[in-house]
PDB file of N, CA and C in Angstrom:
ATOM      1  N   UNK A   1     -31.446  51.842 -52.688  1.00  0.00           N
ATOM      2  CA  UNK A   1     -31.488  51.463 -54.272  1.00  0.00           C
ATOM      3  C   UNK A   1     -30.133  52.113 -53.805  1.00  0.00           C
ATOM      4  N   UNK A   2     -29.694  53.726 -53.515  1.00  0.00           N
ATOM      5  CA  UNK A   2     -28.841  53.903 -53.389  1.00  0.00           C
ATOM      6  C   UNK A   2     -27.289  53.000 -52.935  1.00  0.00           C
ATOM      7  N   UNK A   3     -28.154  51.750 -52.505  1.00  0.00           N
ATOM      8  CA  UNK A   3     -26.778  51.178 -52.160  1.00  0.00           C
ATOM      9  C   UNK A   3     -27.065  49.486 -52.403  1.00  0.00           C
ATOM     10  N   UNK A   4     -27.667  49.671 -53.584  1.00  0.00           N
ATOM     11  CA  UNK A   4     -27.645  48.200 -54.633  1.00  0.00           C
ATOM     12  C   UNK A   4     -28.406  46.932 -53.818  1.00  0.00           C
ATOM     13  N   UNK A   5     -29.401  47.412 -53.426  1.00  0.00           N
ATOM     14  CA  UNK A   5     -29.855  46.730 -52.351  1.00  0.00           C
ATOM     15  C   UNK A   5     -31.173  46.330 -52.856  1.00  0.00           C
ATOM     16  N   UNK A   6     -31.102  46.172 -53.562  1.00  0.00           N
ATOM     17  CA  UNK A   6     -33.397  46.523 -53.805  1.00  0.00           C
ATOM     18  C   UNK A   6     -32.904  45.234 -54.738  1.00  0.00           C
ATOM     19  N   UNK A   7     -33.518  44.478 -54.306  1.00  0.00           N
ATOM     20  CA  UNK A   7     -34.180  43.152 -55.481  1.00  0.00           C
ATOM     21  C   UNK A   7     -35.166  42.931 -55.925  1.00  0.00           C
ATOM     22  N   UNK A   8     -35.720  42.894 -56.523  1.00  0.00           N
ATOM     23  CA  UNK A   8     -37.340  42.675 -57.740  1.00  0.00           C
ATOM     24  C   UNK A   8     -37.178  41.449 -58.148  1.00  0.00           C
ATOM     25  N   UNK A   9     -39.132  40.645 -57.691  1.00  0.00           N
ATOM     26  CA  UNK A   9     -38.575  40.240 -57.694  1.00  0.00           C
ATOM     27  C   UNK A   9     -40.736  40.005 -59.273  1.00  0.00           C
ATOM     28  N   UNK A  10     -40.847  39.741 -60.003  1.00  0.00           N
ATOM     29  CA  UNK A  10     -42.152  38.682 -60.369  1.00  0.00           C
ATOM     30  C   UNK A  10     -43.135  37.811 -59.881  1.00  0.00           C
ATOM     31  N   UNK A  11     -43.855  37.859 -59.222  1.00  0.00           N
ATOM     32  CA  UNK A  11     -44.968  37.686 -58.517  1.00  0.00           C
ATOM     33  C   UNK A  11     -44.864  35.871 -59.593  1.00  0.00           C
ATOM     34  N   UNK A  12     -45.528  34.632 -58.997  1.00  0.00           N
ATOM     35  CA  UNK A  12     -46.030  34.053 -59.253  1.00  0.00           C
ATOM     36  C   UNK A  12     -47.674  33.610 -60.084  1.00  0.00           C
ATOM     37  N   UNK A  13     -47.833  33.116 -60.492  1.00  0.00           N
ATOM     38  CA  UNK A  13     -49.740  32.992 -60.730  1.00  0.00           C
ATOM     39  C   UNK A  13     -50.202  32.432 -59.855  1.00  0.00           C
ATOM     40  N   UNK A  14     -51.315  33.479 -60.517  1.00  0.00           N
ATOM     41  CA  UNK A  14     -52.594  32.698 -58.420  1.00  0.00           C
ATOM     42  C   UNK A  14     -51.899  34.071 -57.462  1.00  0.00           C
ATOM     43  N   UNK A  15     -50.619  35.045 -57.014  1.00  0.00           N
ATOM     44  CA  UNK A  15     -49.923  35.615 -56.109  1.00  0.00           C
ATOM     45  C   UNK A  15     -50.677  37.195 -56.870  1.00  0.00           C
ATOM     46  N   UNK A  16     -51.106  37.466 -55.556  1.00  0.00           N
ATOM     47  CA  UNK A  16     -52.356  38.434 -55.476  1.00  0.00           C
ATOM     48  C   UNK A  16     -51.670  39.209 -54.220  1.00  0.00           C
ATOM     49  N   UNK A  17     -51.277  40.691 -54.919  1.00  0.00           N
ATOM     50  CA  UNK A  17     -50.728  41.724 -53.371  1.00  0.00           C
ATOM     51  C   UNK A  17     -52.195  42.825 -53.056  1.00  0.00           C
ATOM     52  N   UNK A  18     -52.339  42.532 -52.149  1.00  0.00           N
ATOM     53  CA  UNK A  18     -54.014  43.073 -51.566  1.00  0.00           C
ATOM     54  C   UNK A  18     -52.675  44.617 -50.283  1.00  0.00           C
ATOM     55  N   UNK A  19     -53.530  45.640 -51.082  1.00  0.00           N
ATOM     56  CA  UNK A  19     -52.809  46.704 -49.465  1.00  0.00           C
ATOM     57  C   UNK A  19     -53.755  46.517 -48.748  1.00  0.00           C
ATOM     58  N   UNK A  20     -53.655  46.852 -47.801  1.00  0.00           N
ATOM     59  CA  UNK A  20     -54.377  46.998 -46.178  1.00  0.00           C
ATOM     60  C   UNK A  20     -54.483  47.576 -45.972  1.00  0.00           C
ATOM     61  N   UNK A  21     -53.956  49.151 -46.638  1.00  0.00           N
ATOM     62  CA  UNK A  21     -53.970  50.230 -46.178  1.00  0.00           C
ATOM     63  C   UNK A  21     -55.131  50.958 -45.243  1.00  0.00           C
ATOM     64  N   UNK A  22     -55.614  51.426 -46.457  1.00  0.00           N
ATOM     65  CA  UNK A  22     -57.067  52.520 -46.115  1.00  0.00           C
ATOM     66  C   UNK A  22     -57.856  50.831 -45.967  1.00  0.00           C
ATOM     67  N   UNK A  23     -59.120  51.926 -44.993  1.00  0.00           N
ATOM     68  CA  UNK A  23     -60.072  50.985 -44.291  1.00  0.00           C
ATOM     69  C   UNK A  23     -60.883  50.319 -45.379  1.00  0.00           C
ATOM     70  N   UNK A  24     -60.873  51.075 -46.668  1.00  0.00           N
ATOM     71  CA  UNK A  24     -62.629  50.378 -48.109  1.00  0.00           C
ATOM     72  C   UNK A  24     -60.662  49.120 -48.685  1.00  0.00           C
ATOM     73  N   UNK A  25     -59.522  49.743 -48.471  1.00  0.00           N
ATOM     74  CA  UNK A  25     -58.367  48.859 -48.963  1.00  0.00           C
ATOM     75  C   UNK A  25     -58.893  47.267 -48.039  1.00  0.00           C
ATOM     76  N   UNK A  26     -58.419  47.608 -47.167  1.00  0.00           N
ATOM     77  CA  UNK A  26     -58.298  46.133 -46.255  1.00  0.00           C
ATOM     78  C   UNK A  26     -59.601  45.467 -46.213  1.00  0.00           C
ATOM     79  N   UNK A  27     -61.059  46.441 -46.455  1.00  0.00           N
ATOM     80  CA  UNK A  27     -61.997  45.611 -46.953  1.00  0.00           C
ATOM     81  C   UNK A  27     -62.714  44.645 -47.969  1.00  0.00           C
ATOM     82  N   UNK A  28     -62.002  45.156 -49.504  1.00  0.00           N
ATOM     83  CA  UNK A  28     -61.593  45.086 -50.004  1.00  0.00           C
ATOM     84  C   UNK A  28     -61.013  43.311 -49.717  1.00  0.00           C
ATOM     85  N   UNK A  29     -59.613  43.603 -49.424  1.00  0.00           N
ATOM     86  CA  UNK A  29     -59.278  42.385 -48.976  1.00  0.00           C
ATOM     87  C   UNK A  29     -59.628  41.517 -47.983  1.00  0.00           C
ATOM     88  N   UNK A  30     -60.024  41.194 -47.532  1.00  0.00           N
ATOM     89  CA  UNK A  30     -61.116  40.938 -46.614  1.00  0.00           C
ATOM     90  C   UNK A  30     -61.944  39.999 -47.561  1.00  0.00           C
ATOM     91  N   UNK A  31     -62.710  40.440 -48.028  1.00  0.00           N
ATOM     92  CA  UNK A  31     -63.436  39.770 -49.402  1.00  0.00           C
ATOM     93  C   UNK A  31     -63.442  38.827 -50.257  1.00  0.00           C
ATOM     94  N   UNK A  32     -62.650  39.596 -50.788  1.00  0.00           N
ATOM     95  CA  UNK A  32     -60.970  38.671 -51.456  1.00  0.00           C
ATOM     96  C   UNK A  32     -61.372  36.877 -50.706  1.00  0.00           C
ATOM     97  N   UNK A  33     -60.312  37.453 -50.053  1.00  0.00           N
ATOM     98  CA  UNK A  33     -60.229  35.976 -48.984  1.00  0.00           C
ATOM     99  C   UNK A  33     -60.927  35.113 -48.566  1.00  0.00           C
ATOM    100  N   UNK A  34     -61.840  36.107 -48.551  1.00  0.00           N
ATOM    101  CA  UNK A  34     -63.274  34.990 -47.870  1.00  0.00           C
ATOM    102  C   UNK A  34     -63.895  33.912 -49.862  1.00  0.00           C
ATOM    103  N   UNK A  35     -63.712  35.137 -50.762  1.00  0.00           N
ATOM    104  CA  UNK A  35     -64.278  34.942 -51.771  1.00  0.00           C
ATOM    105  C   UNK A  35     -62.901  33.297 -52.661  1.00  0.00           C
ATOM    106  N   UNK A  36     -62.107  33.345 -51.842  1.00  0.00           N
ATOM    107  CA  UNK A  36     -60.731  32.477 -52.349  1.00  0.00           C
ATOM    108  C   UNK A  36     -61.231  31.399 -51.381  1.00  0.00           C
ATOM    109  N   UNK A  37     -61.421  31.683 -50.088  1.00  0.00           N
ATOM    110  CA  UNK A  37     -62.068  30.130 -49.542  1.00  0.00           C
ATOM    111  C   UNK A  37     -62.587  29.585 -49.400  1.00  0.00           C
ATOM    112  N   UNK A  38     -64.118  30.508 -49.927  1.00  0.00           N
ATOM    113  CA  UNK A  38     -65.355  29.701 -49.662  1.00  0.00           C
ATOM    114  C   UNK A  38     -64.728  28.902 -52.006  1.00  0.00           C
ATOM    115  N   UNK A  39     -64.700  29.922 -52.834  1.00  0.00           N
ATOM    116  CA  UNK A  39     -64.909  29.023 -54.394  1.00  0.00           C
ATOM    117  C   UNK A  39     -63.539  28.145 -54.421  1.00  0.00           C
ATOM    118  N   UNK A  40     -62.701  27.897 -53.459  1.00  0.00           N
ATOM    119  CA  UNK A  40     -61.337  26.569 -54.248  1.00  0.00           C
ATOM    120  C   UNK A  40     -61.403  25.488 -53.409  1.00  0.00           C
ATOM    121  N   UNK A  41     -62.238  26.158 -52.112  1.00  0.00           N
ATOM    122  CA  UNK A  41     -61.784  25.232 -50.823  1.00  0.00           C
ATOM    123  C   UNK A  41     -60.709  25.340 -50.281  1.00  0.00           C
ATOM    124  N   UNK A  42     -59.319  26.334 -50.046  1.00  0.00           N
ATOM    125  CA  UNK A  42     -58.463  26.965 -50.023  1.00  0.00           C
ATOM    126  C   UNK A  42     -58.198  27.181 -48.800  1.00  0.00           C
ATOM    127  N   UNK A  43     -57.530  27.451 -47.751  1.00  0.00           N
ATOM    128  CA  UNK A  43     -57.313  28.558 -46.661  1.00  0.00           C
ATOM    129  C   UNK A  43     -56.124  29.524 -47.246  1.00  0.00           C
ATOM    130  N   UNK A  44     -56.272  30.461 -47.267  1.00  0.00           N
ATOM    131  CA  UNK A  44     -54.831  32.013 -47.524  1.00  0.00           C
ATOM    132  C   UNK A  44     -54.000  32.057 -45.672  1.00  0.00           C
ATOM    133  N   UNK A  45     -53.338  31.443 -46.134  1.00  0.00           N
ATOM    134  CA  UNK A  45     -52.018  31.980 -44.758  1.00  0.00           C
ATOM    135  C   UNK A  45     -52.238  30.423 -44.348  1.00  0.00           C
ATOM    136  N   UNK A  46     -52.296  29.680 -44.389  1.00  0.00           N
ATOM    137  CA  UNK A  46     -52.428  28.850 -43.710  1.00  0.00           C
ATOM    138  C   UNK A  46     -50.662  27.900 -43.102  1.00  0.00           C
ATOM    139  N   UNK A  47     -50.378  28.526 -42.292  1.00  0.00           N
ATOM    140  CA  UNK A  47     -48.582  28.128 -42.305  1.00  0.00           C
ATOM    141  C   UNK A  47     -49.116  26.651 -41.655  1.00  0.00           C
ATOM    142  N   UNK A  48     -49.450  25.818 -41.222  1.00  0.00           N
ATOM    143  CA  UNK A  48     -48.622  24.715 -40.727  1.00  0.00           C
ATOM    144  C   UNK A  48     -49.867  23.768 -42.315  1.00  0.00           C
ATOM    145  N   UNK A  49     -49.874  23.987 -43.396  1.00  0.00           N
ATOM    146  CA  UNK A  49     -50.525  24.053 -44.502  1.00  0.00           C
ATOM    147  C   UNK A  49     -48.629  23.616 -45.559  1.00  0.00           C
ATOM    148  N   UNK A  50     -48.100  24.702 -44.849  1.00  0.00           N
ATOM    149  CA  UNK A  50     -46.453  25.548 -46.094  1.00  0.00           C
ATOM    150  C   UNK A  50     -45.512  24.938 -45.264  1.00  0.00           C
ATOM    151  N   UNK A  51     -45.840  24.568 -44.062  1.00  0.00           N
ATOM    152  CA  UNK A  51     -45.189  23.865 -42.911  1.00  0.00           C
ATOM    153  C   UNK A  51     -44.869  22.346 -43.264  1.00  0.00           C
ATOM    154  N   UNK A  52     -46.169  21.893 -43.563  1.00  0.00           N
ATOM    155  CA  UNK A  52     -46.402  20.123 -43.338  1.00  0.00           C
ATOM    156  C   UNK A  52     -46.300  20.402 -45.947  1.00  0.00           C
ATOM    157  N   UNK A  53     -45.982  20.720 -46.568  1.00  0.00           N
ATOM    158  CA  UNK A  53     -45.655  20.767 -47.619  1.00  0.00           C
ATOM    159  C   UNK A  53     -44.658  20.861 -48.033  1.00  0.00           C
ATOM    160  N   UNK A  54     -43.713  22.283 -46.819  1.00  0.00           N
ATOM    161  CA  UNK A  54     -42.717  22.730 -46.980  1.00  0.00           C
ATOM    162  C   UNK A  54     -41.618  21.499 -46.237  1.00  0.00           C
ATOM    163  N   UNK A  55     -42.635  20.210 -45.541  1.00  0.00           N
ATOM    164  CA  UNK A  55     -41.793  19.049 -44.681  1.00  0.00           C
ATOM    165  C   UNK A  55     -40.481  19.408 -43.245  1.00  0.00           C
ATOM    166  N   UNK A  56     -41.651  21.078 -43.066  1.00  0.00           N
ATOM    167  CA  UNK A  56     -40.757  21.068 -41.714  1.00  0.00           C
ATOM    168  C   UNK A  56     -41.990  20.521 -40.657  1.00  0.00           C
ATOM    169  N   UNK A  57     -43.513  20.066 -41.360  1.00  0.00           N
ATOM    170  CA  UNK A  57     -43.849  18.926 -40.156  1.00  0.00           C
ATOM    171  C   UNK A  57     -44.142  17.915 -41.330  1.00  0.00           C
ATOM    172  N   UNK A  58     -44.516  16.703 -40.076  1.00  0.00           N
ATOM    173  CA  UNK A  58     -44.570  16.014 -40.227  1.00  0.00           C
ATOM    174  C   UNK A  58     -46.482  16.035 -40.640  1.00  0.00           C
ATOM    175  N   UNK A  59     -46.686  14.417 -41.181  1.00  0.00           N
ATOM    176  CA  UNK A  59     -47.885  13.960 -40.161  1.00  0.00           C
ATOM    177  C   UNK A  59     -48.462  13.813 -39.383  1.00  0.00           C
ATOM    178  N   UNK A  60     -47.838  13.086 -38.555  1.00  0.00           N
ATOM    179  CA  UNK A  60     -48.548  13.063 -36.808  1.00  0.00           C
ATOM    180  C   UNK A  60     -48.119  14.532 -36.881  1.00  0.00           C
ATOM    181  N   UNK A  61     -47.531  15.427 -37.013  1.00  0.00           N
ATOM    182  CA  UNK A  61     -47.363  17.110 -35.926  1.00  0.00           C
ATOM    183  C   UNK A  61     -48.345  17.556 -36.639  1.00  0.00           C
ATOM    184  N   UNK A  62     -48.961  17.899 -37.236  1.00  0.00           N
ATOM    185  CA  UNK A  62     -49.981  18.296 -38.497  1.00  0.00           C
ATOM    186  C   UNK A  62     -51.017  17.925 -37.989  1.00  0.00           C
ATOM    187  N   UNK A  63     -51.046  16.722 -37.769  1.00  0.00           N
ATOM    188  CA  UNK A  63     -52.144  15.148 -36.762  1.00  0.00           C
ATOM    189  C   UNK A  63     -52.504  16.173 -35.406  1.00  0.00           C
ATOM    190  N   UNK A  64     -51.067  16.343 -34.268  1.00  0.00           N
ATOM    191  CA  UNK A  64     -51.040  16.954 -33.276  1.00  0.00           C
ATOM    192  C   UNK A  64     -51.728  18.462 -33.545  1.00  0.00           C
ATOM    193  N   UNK A  65     -51.244  19.210 -34.235  1.00  0.00           N
ATOM    194  CA  UNK A  65     -51.802  20.273 -34.725  1.00  0.00           C
ATOM    195  C   UNK A  65     -53.142  20.926 -34.581  1.00  0.00           C
ATOM    196  N   UNK A  66     -54.234  19.461 -35.329  1.00  0.00           N
ATOM    197  CA  UNK A  66     -55.646  19.553 -35.195  1.00  0.00           C
ATOM    198  C   UNK A  66     -56.084  19.294 -34.410  1.00  0.00           C
ATOM    199  N   UNK A  67     -55.581  18.143 -34.033  1.00  0.00           N
ATOM    200  CA  UNK A  67     -56.988  17.301 -33.139  1.00  0.00           C
ATOM    201  C   UNK A  67     -57.380  18.962 -31.820  1.00  0.00           C
ATOM    202  N   UNK A  68     -56.979  19.218 -31.536  1.00  0.00           N
ATOM    203  CA  UNK A  68     -57.718  20.317 -30.685  1.00  0.00           C
ATOM    204  C   UNK A  68     -58.609  21.598 -31.373  1.00  0.00           C
ATOM    205  N   UNK A  69     -58.411  21.392 -32.783  1.00  0.00           N
ATOM    206  CA  UNK A  69     -59.458  22.245 -33.385  1.00  0.00           C
ATOM    207  C   UNK A  69     -60.198  21.980 -34.366  1.00  0.00           C
ATOM    208  N   UNK A  70     -60.443  19.907 -33.567  1.00  0.00           N
ATOM    209  CA  UNK A  70     -61.272  19.454 -34.580  1.00  0.00           C
ATOM    210  C   UNK A  70     -62.916  19.618 -35.001  1.00  0.00           C
ATOM    211  N   UNK A  71     -63.212  20.347 -33.977  1.00  0.00           N
ATOM    212  CA  UNK A  71     -64.660  21.355 -33.938  1.00  0.00           C
ATOM    213  C   UNK A  71     -64.609  22.279 -35.265  1.00  0.00           C
ATOM    214  N   UNK A  72     -64.047  22.747 -35.272  1.00  0.00           N
ATOM    215  CA  UNK A  72     -63.850  24.503 -35.988  1.00  0.00           C
ATOM    216  C   UNK A  72     -63.286  23.740 -37.834  1.00  0.00           C
ATOM    217  N   UNK A  73     -63.309  24.387 -38.508  1.00  0.00           N
ATOM    218  CA  UNK A  73     -63.768  24.521 -39.848  1.00  0.00           C
ATOM    219  C   UNK A  73     -62.223  23.802 -40.190  1.00  0.00           C
ATOM    220  N   UNK A  74     -62.012  25.096 -39.261  1.00  0.00           N
ATOM    221  CA  UNK A  74     -60.083  24.467 -39.839  1.00  0.00           C
ATOM    222  C   UNK A  74     -59.004  23.249 -39.606  1.00  0.00           C
ATOM    223  N   UNK A  75     -59.823  23.461 -38.371  1.00  0.00           N
ATOM    224  CA  UNK A  75     -59.112  21.504 -37.537  1.00  0.00           C
ATOM    225  C   UNK A  75     -58.924  21.249 -39.109  1.00  0.00           C
ATOM    226  N   UNK A  76     -60.717  20.835 -39.182  1.00  0.00           N
ATOM    227  CA  UNK A  76     -60.940  19.678 -40.506  1.00  0.00           C
ATOM    228  C   UNK A  76     -60.355  19.959 -41.310  1.00  0.00           C
ATOM    229  N   UNK A  77     -59.850  21.685 -42.149  1.00  0.00           N
ATOM    230  CA  UNK A  77     -58.988  21.889 -43.162  1.00  0.00           C
ATOM    231  C   UNK A  77     -57.720  20.662 -43.199  1.00  0.00           C
ATOM    232  N   UNK A  78     -57.407  21.005 -41.582  1.00  0.00           N
ATOM    233  CA  UNK A  78     -55.533  20.707 -41.707  1.00  0.00           C
ATOM    234  C   UNK A  78     -55.517  19.330 -41.748  1.00  0.00           C
ATOM    235  N   UNK A  79     -56.884  18.321 -41.750  1.00  0.00           N
ATOM    236  CA  UNK A  79     -56.867  17.175 -40.893  1.00  0.00           C
ATOM    237  C   UNK A  79     -57.242  16.432 -42.171  1.00  0.00           C
ATOM    238  N   UNK A  80     -57.412  17.381 -43.279  1.00  0.00           N
ATOM    239  CA  UNK A  80     -58.031  17.092 -44.634  1.00  0.00           C
ATOM    240  C   UNK A  80     -56.502  16.506 -45.591  1.00  0.00           C
ATOM    241  N   UNK A  81     -55.513  17.593 -45.187  1.00  0.00           N
ATOM    242  CA  UNK A  81     -55.015  17.756 -45.592  1.00  0.00           C
ATOM    243  C   UNK A  81     -53.714  16.411 -45.476  1.00  0.00           C
ATOM    244  N   UNK A  82     -53.953  15.739 -44.524  1.00  0.00           N
ATOM    245  CA  UNK A  82     -53.354  14.087 -44.609  1.00  0.00           C
ATOM    246  C   UNK A  82     -53.993  13.602 -45.882  1.00  0.00           C
ATOM    247  N   UNK A  83     -54.996  13.303 -45.484  1.00  0.00           N
ATOM    248  CA  UNK A  83     -55.277  12.496 -46.635  1.00  0.00           C
ATOM    249  C   UNK A  83     -55.194  12.435 -48.357  1.00  0.00           C
TER     250      UNK A  83
END
């Protein structure tokens, strides 16, 4: 703060800050993520999805990443992004 290097930003709507310090907070954060994923059908922290949406990887690369995971819900989720 004294160096004038502090930057502050407002979190976008739909963004949640999750404190995972104490065990109780960690447990609550895990439950929150579970609820979001189950109710909204979205993955939280899916780096492949972000990379695809931001254009860092293309559809072919995403398919290659998803293929070894195709038997899991995560792999199926990645493949759904291509539709």
